[in-house]
Amino acid sequence: QALAAEVGAGLALPEAAAGAADLIILALPWDVAEAAVKGLG
């Protein structure tokens, strides 16, 4: 919440954030990447 306020960004669960975006940046640890990326829909 503090980061979002600092940079003036919105907050959402990953799938919702990706679904509403034109461009998605994946900034995840590699060991969790596959499950997290596949979970974006």
Full PDB file with SEQRES, HELIX, SHEET, SSBOND, CRYST1, ORIGX, SCALE, CONECT and MASTER records, all heavy atoms in Angstrom:
SEQRES   1 A   41  GLN ALA LEU ALA ALA GLU VAL GLY ALA GLY LEU ALA LEU          
SEQRES   2 A   41  PRO GLU ALA ALA ALA GLY ALA ALA ASP LEU ILE ILE LEU          
SEQRES   3 A   41  ALA LEU PRO TRP ASP VAL ALA GLU ALA ALA VAL LYS GLY          
SEQRES   4 A   41  LEU GLY                                                      
HELIX    1 AA1 ALA A    2  VAL A    7  1                                   6    
HELIX    2 AA2 PRO A   14  GLY A   19  1                                   6    
HELIX    3 AA3 TRP A   30  LYS A   38  1                                   9    
CRYST1    1.000    1.000    1.000  90.00  90.00  90.00 P 1           1          
ORIGX1      1.000000  0.000000  0.000000        0.00000                         
ORIGX2      0.000000  1.000000  0.000000        0.00000                         
ORIGX3      0.000000  0.000000  1.000000        0.00000                         
SCALE1      1.000000  0.000000  0.000000        0.00000                         
SCALE2      0.000000  1.000000  0.000000        0.00000                         
SCALE3      0.000000  0.000000  1.000000        0.00000                         
ATOM      1  N   GLN A   1       0.828  -1.207   0.000  1.00  0.00           N  
ATOM      2  CA  GLN A   1       0.000   0.000   0.000  1.00  0.00           C  
ATOM      3  C   GLN A   1       0.865   1.259   0.000  1.00  0.00           C  
ATOM      4  O   GLN A   1       0.568   2.230  -0.702  1.00  0.00           O  
ATOM      5  CB  GLN A   1      -0.905  -0.012   1.240  1.00  0.00           C  
ATOM      6  CG  GLN A   1      -1.864  -1.181   1.293  1.00  0.00           C  
ATOM      7  CD  GLN A   1      -3.295  -0.784   0.972  1.00  0.00           C  
ATOM      8  OE1 GLN A   1      -3.663   0.376   1.028  1.00  0.00           O  
ATOM      9  NE2 GLN A   1      -4.105  -1.762   0.626  1.00  0.00           N  
ATOM     10  N   ALA A   2       1.950   1.231   0.765  1.00  0.00           N  
ATOM     11  CA  ALA A   2       2.841   2.388   0.828  1.00  0.00           C  
ATOM     12  C   ALA A   2       3.512   2.629  -0.522  1.00  0.00           C  
ATOM     13  O   ALA A   2       3.659   3.783  -0.961  1.00  0.00           O  
ATOM     14  CB  ALA A   2       3.891   2.189   1.914  1.00  0.00           C  
ATOM     15  N   LEU A   3       3.933   1.565  -1.200  1.00  0.00           N  
ATOM     16  CA  LEU A   3       4.555   1.710  -2.516  1.00  0.00           C  
ATOM     17  C   LEU A   3       3.565   2.307  -3.506  1.00  0.00           C  
ATOM     18  O   LEU A   3       3.912   3.223  -4.266  1.00  0.00           O  
ATOM     19  CB  LEU A   3       5.051   0.351  -3.013  1.00  0.00           C  
ATOM     20  CG  LEU A   3       5.608   0.325  -4.439  1.00  0.00           C  
ATOM     21  CD1 LEU A   3       6.855   1.183  -4.553  1.00  0.00           C  
ATOM     22  CD2 LEU A   3       5.889  -1.114  -4.874  1.00  0.00           C  
ATOM     23  N   ALA A   4       2.346   1.804  -3.524  1.00  0.00           N  
ATOM     24  CA  ALA A   4       1.337   2.325  -4.440  1.00  0.00           C  
ATOM     25  C   ALA A   4       1.095   3.802  -4.199  1.00  0.00           C  
ATOM     26  O   ALA A   4       0.988   4.597  -5.155  1.00  0.00           O  
ATOM     27  CB  ALA A   4       0.037   1.533  -4.301  1.00  0.00           C  
ATOM     28  N   ALA A   5       1.020   4.201  -2.934  1.00  0.00           N  
ATOM     29  CA  ALA A   5       0.819   5.611  -2.617  1.00  0.00           C  
ATOM     30  C   ALA A   5       2.016   6.454  -3.043  1.00  0.00           C  
ATOM     31  O   ALA A   5       1.863   7.565  -3.569  1.00  0.00           O  
ATOM     32  CB  ALA A   5       0.553   5.769  -1.119  1.00  0.00           C  
ATOM     33  N   GLU A   6       3.209   5.916  -2.838  1.00  0.00           N  
ATOM     34  CA  GLU A   6       4.431   6.650  -3.188  1.00  0.00           C  
ATOM     35  C   GLU A   6       4.512   6.943  -4.674  1.00  0.00           C  
ATOM     36  O   GLU A   6       4.896   8.055  -5.082  1.00  0.00           O  
ATOM     37  CB  GLU A   6       5.653   5.835  -2.763  1.00  0.00           C  
ATOM     38  CG  GLU A   6       6.987   6.447  -3.174  1.00  0.00           C  
ATOM     39  CD  GLU A   6       8.156   5.502  -2.974  1.00  0.00           C  
ATOM     40  OE1 GLU A   6       7.985   4.478  -2.268  1.00  0.00           O  
ATOM     41  OE2 GLU A   6       9.229   5.773  -3.532  1.00  0.00           O  
ATOM     42  N   VAL A   7       4.168   5.962  -5.512  1.00  0.00           N  
ATOM     43  CA  VAL A   7       4.349   6.116  -6.962  1.00  0.00           C  
ATOM     44  C   VAL A   7       3.061   6.500  -7.680  1.00  0.00           C  
ATOM     45  O   VAL A   7       3.061   6.670  -8.902  1.00  0.00           O  
ATOM     46  CB  VAL A   7       4.931   4.828  -7.581  1.00  0.00           C  
ATOM     47  CG1 VAL A   7       6.265   4.500  -6.945  1.00  0.00           C  
ATOM     48  CG2 VAL A   7       3.965   3.656  -7.459  1.00  0.00           C  
ATOM     49  N   GLY A   8       1.958   6.623  -6.940  1.00  0.00           N  
ATOM     50  CA  GLY A   8       0.694   6.993  -7.565  1.00  0.00           C  
ATOM     51  C   GLY A   8       0.107   5.897  -8.433  1.00  0.00           C  
ATOM     52  O   GLY A   8      -0.480   6.179  -9.487  1.00  0.00           O  
ATOM     53  N   ALA A   9       0.267   4.648  -8.011  1.00  0.00           N  
ATOM     54  CA  ALA A   9      -0.202   3.505  -8.793  1.00  0.00           C  
ATOM     55  C   ALA A   9      -1.452   2.910  -8.178  1.00  0.00           C  
ATOM     56  O   ALA A   9      -1.731   3.073  -6.989  1.00  0.00           O  
ATOM     57  CB  ALA A   9       0.888   2.432  -8.869  1.00  0.00           C  
ATOM     58  N   GLY A  10      -2.203   2.190  -9.005  1.00  0.00           N  
ATOM     59  CA  GLY A  10      -3.316   1.416  -8.516  1.00  0.00           C  
ATOM     60  C   GLY A  10      -2.841   0.088  -7.966  1.00  0.00           C  
ATOM     61  O   GLY A  10      -1.690  -0.307  -8.145  1.00  0.00           O  
ATOM     62  N   LEU A  11      -3.739  -0.619  -7.314  1.00  0.00           N  
ATOM     63  CA  LEU A  11      -3.437  -1.924  -6.730  1.00  0.00           C  
ATOM     64  C   LEU A  11      -4.518  -2.911  -7.121  1.00  0.00           C  
ATOM     65  O   LEU A  11      -5.710  -2.584  -7.116  1.00  0.00           O  
ATOM     66  CB  LEU A  11      -3.372  -1.831  -5.204  1.00  0.00           C  
ATOM     67  CG  LEU A  11      -2.020  -1.583  -4.550  1.00  0.00           C  
ATOM     68  CD1 LEU A  11      -2.197  -1.396  -3.053  1.00  0.00           C  
ATOM     69  CD2 LEU A  11      -1.057  -2.725  -4.832  1.00  0.00           C  
ATOM     70  N   ALA A  12      -4.095  -4.132  -7.466  1.00  0.00           N  
ATOM     71  CA  ALA A  12      -5.057  -5.172  -7.799  1.00  0.00           C  
ATOM     72  C   ALA A  12      -4.382  -6.520  -7.648  1.00  0.00           C  
ATOM     73  O   ALA A  12      -3.146  -6.612  -7.577  1.00  0.00           O  
ATOM     74  CB  ALA A  12      -5.580  -4.998  -9.229  1.00  0.00           C  
ATOM     75  N   LEU A  13      -5.175  -7.568  -7.613  1.00  0.00           N  
ATOM     76  CA  LEU A  13      -4.616  -8.899  -7.680  1.00  0.00           C  
ATOM     77  C   LEU A  13      -3.973  -9.090  -9.062  1.00  0.00           C  
ATOM     78  O   LEU A  13      -4.375  -8.445 -10.036  1.00  0.00           O  
ATOM     79  CB  LEU A  13      -5.694  -9.942  -7.446  1.00  0.00           C  
ATOM     80  CG  LEU A  13      -6.278  -9.979  -6.019  1.00  0.00           C  
ATOM     81  CD1 LEU A  13      -7.496 -10.895  -5.975  1.00  0.00           C  
ATOM     82  CD2 LEU A  13      -5.221 -10.442  -5.022  1.00  0.00           C  
ATOM     83  N   PRO A  14      -2.956  -9.942  -9.164  1.00  0.00           N  
ATOM     84  CA  PRO A  14      -2.196 -10.035 -10.424  1.00  0.00           C  
ATOM     85  C   PRO A  14      -3.055 -10.276 -11.664  1.00  0.00           C  
ATOM     86  O   PRO A  14      -2.859  -9.616 -12.697  1.00  0.00           O  
ATOM     87  CB  PRO A  14      -1.239 -11.197 -10.156  1.00  0.00           C  
ATOM     88  CG  PRO A  14      -1.004 -11.137  -8.682  1.00  0.00           C  
ATOM     89  CD  PRO A  14      -2.329 -10.750  -8.108  1.00  0.00           C  
ATOM     90  N   GLU A  15      -4.002 -11.205 -11.620  1.00  0.00           N  
ATOM     91  CA  GLU A  15      -4.798 -11.502 -12.813  1.00  0.00           C  
ATOM     92  C   GLU A  15      -5.624 -10.295 -13.239  1.00  0.00           C  
ATOM     93  O   GLU A  15      -5.724  -9.978 -14.437  1.00  0.00           O  
ATOM     94  CB  GLU A  15      -5.708 -12.706 -12.564  1.00  0.00           C  
ATOM     95  CG  GLU A  15      -6.487 -13.131 -13.798  1.00  0.00           C  
ATOM     96  CD  GLU A  15      -7.311 -14.386 -13.577  1.00  0.00           C  
ATOM     97  OE1 GLU A  15      -7.353 -14.893 -12.442  1.00  0.00           O  
ATOM     98  OE2 GLU A  15      -7.916 -14.870 -14.566  1.00  0.00           O  
ATOM     99  N   ALA A  16      -6.211  -9.586 -12.274  1.00  0.00           N  
ATOM    100  CA  ALA A  16      -7.008  -8.411 -12.606  1.00  0.00           C  
ATOM    101  C   ALA A  16      -6.136  -7.289 -13.165  1.00  0.00           C  
ATOM    102  O   ALA A  16      -6.516  -6.606 -14.122  1.00  0.00           O  
ATOM    103  CB  ALA A  16      -7.764  -7.928 -11.366  1.00  0.00           C  
ATOM    104  N   ALA A  17      -4.950  -7.092 -12.561  1.00  0.00           N  
ATOM    105  CA  ALA A  17      -4.041  -6.051 -13.043  1.00  0.00           C  
ATOM    106  C   ALA A  17      -3.616  -6.321 -14.476  1.00  0.00           C  
ATOM    107  O   ALA A  17      -3.628  -5.432 -15.336  1.00  0.00           O  
ATOM    108  CB  ALA A  17      -2.820  -5.962 -12.131  1.00  0.00           C  
ATOM    109  N   ALA A  18      -3.238  -7.574 -14.760  1.00  0.00           N  
ATOM    110  CA  ALA A  18      -2.791  -7.927 -16.108  1.00  0.00           C  
ATOM    111  C   ALA A  18      -3.929  -7.829 -17.111  1.00  0.00           C  
ATOM    112  O   ALA A  18      -3.734  -7.351 -18.238  1.00  0.00           O  
ATOM    113  CB  ALA A  18      -2.207  -9.342 -16.100  1.00  0.00           C  
ATOM    114  N   GLY A  19      -5.120  -8.254 -16.722  1.00  0.00           N  
ATOM    115  CA  GLY A  19      -6.251  -8.238 -17.632  1.00  0.00           C  
ATOM    116  C   GLY A  19      -6.651  -6.853 -18.077  1.00  0.00           C  
ATOM    117  O   GLY A  19      -7.150  -6.668 -19.193  1.00  0.00           O  
ATOM    118  N   ALA A  20      -6.433  -5.848 -17.237  1.00  0.00           N  
ATOM    119  CA  ALA A  20      -6.836  -4.476 -17.557  1.00  0.00           C  
ATOM    120  C   ALA A  20      -5.739  -3.669 -18.236  1.00  0.00           C  
ATOM    121  O   ALA A  20      -5.975  -2.525 -18.625  1.00  0.00           O  
ATOM    122  CB  ALA A  20      -7.281  -3.775 -16.274  1.00  0.00           C  
ATOM    123  N   ALA A  21      -4.549  -4.245 -18.390  1.00  0.00           N  
ATOM    124  CA  ALA A  21      -3.393  -3.485 -18.879  1.00  0.00           C  
ATOM    125  C   ALA A  21      -3.176  -3.684 -20.374  1.00  0.00           C  
ATOM    126  O   ALA A  21      -3.606  -4.682 -20.971  1.00  0.00           O  
ATOM    127  CB  ALA A  21      -2.145  -3.908 -18.120  1.00  0.00           C  
ATOM    128  N   ASP A  22      -2.477  -2.716 -20.980  1.00  0.00           N  
ATOM    129  CA  ASP A  22      -2.019  -2.846 -22.363  1.00  0.00           C  
ATOM    130  C   ASP A  22      -0.666  -3.547 -22.414  1.00  0.00           C  
ATOM    131  O   ASP A  22      -0.359  -4.249 -23.375  1.00  0.00           O  
ATOM    132  CB  ASP A  22      -1.875  -1.460 -23.004  1.00  0.00           C  
ATOM    133  CG  ASP A  22      -3.154  -0.656 -22.932  1.00  0.00           C  
ATOM    134  OD1 ASP A  22      -4.204  -1.195 -23.331  1.00  0.00           O  
ATOM    135  OD2 ASP A  22      -3.113   0.504 -22.475  1.00  0.00           O  
ATOM    136  N   LEU A  23       0.141  -3.310 -21.403  1.00  0.00           N  
ATOM    137  CA  LEU A  23       1.498  -3.858 -21.329  1.00  0.00           C  
ATOM    138  C   LEU A  23       1.714  -4.400 -19.928  1.00  0.00           C  
ATOM    139  O   LEU A  23       1.381  -3.731 -18.943  1.00  0.00           O  
ATOM    140  CB  LEU A  23       2.522  -2.783 -21.681  1.00  0.00           C  
ATOM    141  CG  LEU A  23       3.998  -3.169 -21.687  1.00  0.00           C  
ATOM    142  CD1 LEU A  23       4.766  -2.351 -22.741  1.00  0.00           C  
ATOM    143  CD2 LEU A  23       4.638  -2.947 -20.318  1.00  0.00           C  
ATOM    144  N   ILE A  24       2.254  -5.603 -19.835  1.00  0.00           N  
ATOM    145  CA  ILE A  24       2.474  -6.265 -18.551  1.00  0.00           C  
ATOM    146  C   ILE A  24       3.957  -6.492 -18.356  1.00  0.00           C  
ATOM    147  O   ILE A  24       4.641  -6.984 -19.260  1.00  0.00           O  
ATOM    148  CB  ILE A  24       1.721  -7.615 -18.498  1.00  0.00           C  
ATOM    149  CG1 ILE A  24       0.204  -7.395 -18.634  1.00  0.00           C  
ATOM    150  CG2 ILE A  24       2.026  -8.367 -17.213  1.00  0.00           C  
ATOM    151  CD1 ILE A  24      -0.330  -7.588 -20.019  1.00  0.00           C  
ATOM    152  N   ILE A  25       4.464  -6.134 -17.188  1.00  0.00           N  
ATOM    153  CA  ILE A  25       5.860  -6.361 -16.820  1.00  0.00           C  
ATOM    154  C   ILE A  25       5.917  -7.455 -15.773  1.00  0.00           C  
ATOM    155  O   ILE A  25       5.298  -7.342 -14.710  1.00  0.00           O  
ATOM    156  CB  ILE A  25       6.500  -5.070 -16.272  1.00  0.00           C  
ATOM    157  CG1 ILE A  25       6.452  -3.952 -17.318  1.00  0.00           C  
ATOM    158  CG2 ILE A  25       7.948  -5.330 -15.835  1.00  0.00           C  
ATOM    159  CD1 ILE A  25       6.889  -2.591 -16.788  1.00  0.00           C  
ATOM    160  N   LEU A  26       6.646  -8.518 -16.078  1.00  0.00           N  
ATOM    161  CA  LEU A  26       6.801  -9.634 -15.139  1.00  0.00           C  
ATOM    162  C   LEU A  26       8.063  -9.406 -14.316  1.00  0.00           C  
ATOM    163  O   LEU A  26       9.173  -9.460 -14.841  1.00  0.00           O  
ATOM    164  CB  LEU A  26       6.894 -10.953 -15.900  1.00  0.00           C  
ATOM    165  CG  LEU A  26       5.715 -11.292 -16.816  1.00  0.00           C  
ATOM    166  CD1 LEU A  26       5.976 -12.603 -17.553  1.00  0.00           C  
ATOM    167  CD2 LEU A  26       4.407 -11.364 -16.032  1.00  0.00           C  
ATOM    168  N   ALA A  27       7.891  -9.154 -13.034  1.00  0.00           N  
ATOM    169  CA  ALA A  27       9.010  -8.891 -12.131  1.00  0.00           C  
ATOM    170  C   ALA A  27       8.894  -9.830 -10.937  1.00  0.00           C  
ATOM    171  O   ALA A  27       8.665  -9.405  -9.803  1.00  0.00           O  
ATOM    172  CB  ALA A  27       9.001  -7.427 -11.680  1.00  0.00           C  
ATOM    173  N   LEU A  28       9.071 -11.119 -11.210  1.00  0.00           N  
ATOM    174  CA  LEU A  28       8.848 -12.163 -10.219  1.00  0.00           C  
ATOM    175  C   LEU A  28      10.115 -12.966  -9.991  1.00  0.00           C  
ATOM    176  O   LEU A  28      10.944 -13.092 -10.891  1.00  0.00           O  
ATOM    177  CB  LEU A  28       7.750 -13.118 -10.717  1.00  0.00           C  
ATOM    178  CG  LEU A  28       6.371 -12.511 -10.945  1.00  0.00           C  
ATOM    179  CD1 LEU A  28       5.564 -13.378 -11.906  1.00  0.00           C  
ATOM    180  CD2 LEU A  28       5.644 -12.361  -9.617  1.00  0.00           C  
ATOM    181  N   PRO A  29      10.283 -13.557  -8.813  1.00  0.00           N  
ATOM    182  CA  PRO A  29      11.382 -14.511  -8.624  1.00  0.00           C  
ATOM    183  C   PRO A  29      11.184 -15.698  -9.553  1.00  0.00           C  
ATOM    184  O   PRO A  29      10.055 -16.177  -9.733  1.00  0.00           O  
ATOM    185  CB  PRO A  29      11.252 -14.926  -7.152  1.00  0.00           C  
ATOM    186  CG  PRO A  29      10.397 -13.871  -6.512  1.00  0.00           C  
ATOM    187  CD  PRO A  29       9.488 -13.371  -7.591  1.00  0.00           C  
ATOM    188  N   TRP A  30      12.269 -16.190 -10.132  1.00  0.00           N  
ATOM    189  CA  TRP A  30      12.142 -17.247 -11.132  1.00  0.00           C  
ATOM    190  C   TRP A  30      11.523 -18.521 -10.555  1.00  0.00           C  
ATOM    191  O   TRP A  30      10.791 -19.235 -11.241  1.00  0.00           O  
ATOM    192  CB  TRP A  30      13.505 -17.552 -11.745  1.00  0.00           C  
ATOM    193  CG  TRP A  30      13.428 -18.574 -12.839  1.00  0.00           C  
ATOM    194  CD1 TRP A  30      13.887 -19.856 -12.815  1.00  0.00           C  
ATOM    195  CD2 TRP A  30      12.813 -18.399 -14.121  1.00  0.00           C  
ATOM    196  NE1 TRP A  30      13.595 -20.492 -14.004  1.00  0.00           N  
ATOM    197  CE2 TRP A  30      12.936 -19.617 -14.822  1.00  0.00           C  
ATOM    198  CE3 TRP A  30      12.172 -17.321 -14.748  1.00  0.00           C  
ATOM    199  CZ2 TRP A  30      12.457 -19.794 -16.118  1.00  0.00           C  
ATOM    200  CZ3 TRP A  30      11.678 -17.500 -16.033  1.00  0.00           C  
ATOM    201  CH2 TRP A  30      11.825 -18.721 -16.701  1.00  0.00           C  
ATOM    202  N   ASP A  31      11.771 -18.800  -9.291  1.00  0.00           N  
ATOM    203  CA  ASP A  31      11.281 -20.069  -8.738  1.00  0.00           C  
ATOM    204  C   ASP A  31       9.767 -20.101  -8.557  1.00  0.00           C  
ATOM    205  O   ASP A  31       9.197 -21.173  -8.322  1.00  0.00           O  
ATOM    206  CB  ASP A  31      12.000 -20.412  -7.428  1.00  0.00           C  
ATOM    207  CG  ASP A  31      11.824 -19.356  -6.356  1.00  0.00           C  
ATOM    208  OD1 ASP A  31      11.280 -18.271  -6.647  1.00  0.00           O  
ATOM    209  OD2 ASP A  31      12.245 -19.600  -5.208  1.00  0.00           O  
ATOM    210  N   VAL A  32       9.104 -18.966  -8.646  1.00  0.00           N  
ATOM    211  CA  VAL A  32       7.638 -18.953  -8.562  1.00  0.00           C  
ATOM    212  C   VAL A  32       7.006 -18.495  -9.870  1.00  0.00           C  
ATOM    213  O   VAL A  32       5.781 -18.374  -9.964  1.00  0.00           O  
ATOM    214  CB  VAL A  32       7.145 -18.041  -7.410  1.00  0.00           C  
ATOM    215  CG1 VAL A  32       7.756 -18.481  -6.089  1.00  0.00           C  
ATOM    216  CG2 VAL A  32       7.449 -16.574  -7.682  1.00  0.00           C  
ATOM    217  N   ALA A  33       7.827 -18.259 -10.876  1.00  0.00           N  
ATOM    218  CA  ALA A  33       7.348 -17.599 -12.094  1.00  0.00           C  
ATOM    219  C   ALA A  33       6.308 -18.423 -12.848  1.00  0.00           C  
ATOM    220  O   ALA A  33       5.277 -17.881 -13.265  1.00  0.00           O  
ATOM    221  CB  ALA A  33       8.521 -17.270 -13.009  1.00  0.00           C  
ATOM    222  N   GLU A  34       6.567 -19.701 -13.036  1.00  0.00           N  
ATOM    223  CA  GLU A  34       5.665 -20.481 -13.893  1.00  0.00           C  
ATOM    224  C   GLU A  34       4.237 -20.460 -13.371  1.00  0.00           C  
ATOM    225  O   GLU A  34       3.291 -20.155 -14.113  1.00  0.00           O  
ATOM    226  CB  GLU A  34       6.159 -21.914 -14.039  1.00  0.00           C  
ATOM    227  CG  GLU A  34       5.271 -22.745 -14.948  1.00  0.00           C  
ATOM    228  CD  GLU A  34       5.817 -24.137 -15.225  1.00  0.00           C  
ATOM    229  OE1 GLU A  34       6.857 -24.499 -14.636  1.00  0.00           O  
ATOM    230  OE2 GLU A  34       5.200 -24.859 -16.034  1.00  0.00           O  
ATOM    231  N   ALA A  35       4.058 -20.787 -12.108  1.00  0.00           N  
ATOM    232  CA  ALA A  35       2.705 -20.819 -11.551  1.00  0.00           C  
ATOM    233  C   ALA A  35       2.072 -19.435 -11.572  1.00  0.00           C  
ATOM    234  O   ALA A  35       0.888 -19.277 -11.906  1.00  0.00           O  
ATOM    235  CB  ALA A  35       2.737 -21.361 -10.126  1.00  0.00           C  
ATOM    236  N   ALA A  36       2.871 -18.413 -11.235  1.00  0.00           N  
ATOM    237  CA  ALA A  36       2.328 -17.054 -11.188  1.00  0.00           C  
ATOM    238  C   ALA A  36       1.933 -16.567 -12.576  1.00  0.00           C  
ATOM    239  O   ALA A  36       0.873 -15.949 -12.757  1.00  0.00           O  
ATOM    240  CB  ALA A  36       3.355 -16.110 -10.564  1.00  0.00           C  
ATOM    241  N   VAL A  37       2.768 -16.840 -13.585  1.00  0.00           N  
ATOM    242  CA  VAL A  37       2.476 -16.381 -14.944  1.00  0.00           C  
ATOM    243  C   VAL A  37       1.265 -17.110 -15.509  1.00  0.00           C  
ATOM    244  O   VAL A  37       0.373 -16.499 -16.113  1.00  0.00           O  
ATOM    245  CB  VAL A  37       3.716 -16.564 -15.844  1.00  0.00           C  
ATOM    246  CG1 VAL A  37       3.363 -16.326 -17.309  1.00  0.00           C  
ATOM    247  CG2 VAL A  37       4.818 -15.606 -15.415  1.00  0.00           C  
ATOM    248  N   LYS A  38       1.211 -18.417 -15.314  1.00  0.00           N  
ATOM    249  CA  LYS A  38       0.059 -19.173 -15.801  1.00  0.00           C  
ATOM    250  C   LYS A  38      -1.228 -18.742 -15.099  1.00  0.00           C  
ATOM    251  O   LYS A  38      -2.317 -18.864 -15.660  1.00  0.00           O  
ATOM    252  CB  LYS A  38       0.295 -20.665 -15.614  1.00  0.00           C  
ATOM    253  CG  LYS A  38       1.329 -21.237 -16.566  1.00  0.00           C  
ATOM    254  CD  LYS A  38       1.542 -22.735 -16.344  1.00  0.00           C  
ATOM    255  CE  LYS A  38       2.498 -23.328 -17.361  1.00  0.00           C  
ATOM    256  NZ  LYS A  38       2.736 -24.782 -17.130  1.00  0.00           N  
ATOM    257  N   GLY A  39      -1.106 -18.208 -13.896  1.00  0.00           N  
ATOM    258  CA  GLY A  39      -2.271 -17.743 -13.157  1.00  0.00           C  
ATOM    259  C   GLY A  39      -2.809 -16.407 -13.625  1.00  0.00           C  
ATOM    260  O   GLY A  39      -3.857 -15.960 -13.142  1.00  0.00           O  
ATOM    261  N   LEU A  40      -2.127 -15.763 -14.569  1.00  0.00           N  
ATOM    262  CA  LEU A  40      -2.587 -14.454 -15.060  1.00  0.00           C  
ATOM    263  C   LEU A  40      -3.716 -14.571 -16.066  1.00  0.00           C  
ATOM    264  O   LEU A  40      -4.319 -13.572 -16.440  1.00  0.00           O  
ATOM    265  CB  LEU A  40      -1.416 -13.695 -15.697  1.00  0.00           C  
ATOM    266  CG  LEU A  40      -0.271 -13.326 -14.767  1.00  0.00           C  
ATOM    267  CD1 LEU A  40       0.849 -12.643 -15.542  1.00  0.00           C  
ATOM    268  CD2 LEU A  40      -0.752 -12.430 -13.622  1.00  0.00           C  
ATOM    269  N   GLY A  41      -3.999 -15.779 -16.542  1.00  0.00           N  
ATOM    270  CA  GLY A  41      -5.050 -15.956 -17.526  1.00  0.00           C  
ATOM    271  C   GLY A  41      -4.564 -15.633 -18.929  1.00  0.00           C  
ATOM    272  O   GLY A  41      -3.364 -15.477 -19.175  1.00  0.00           O  
TER     273      GLY A  41                                                      
MASTER        0    0    0    3    0    0    0    6  272    1    0    4          
END                                                                             
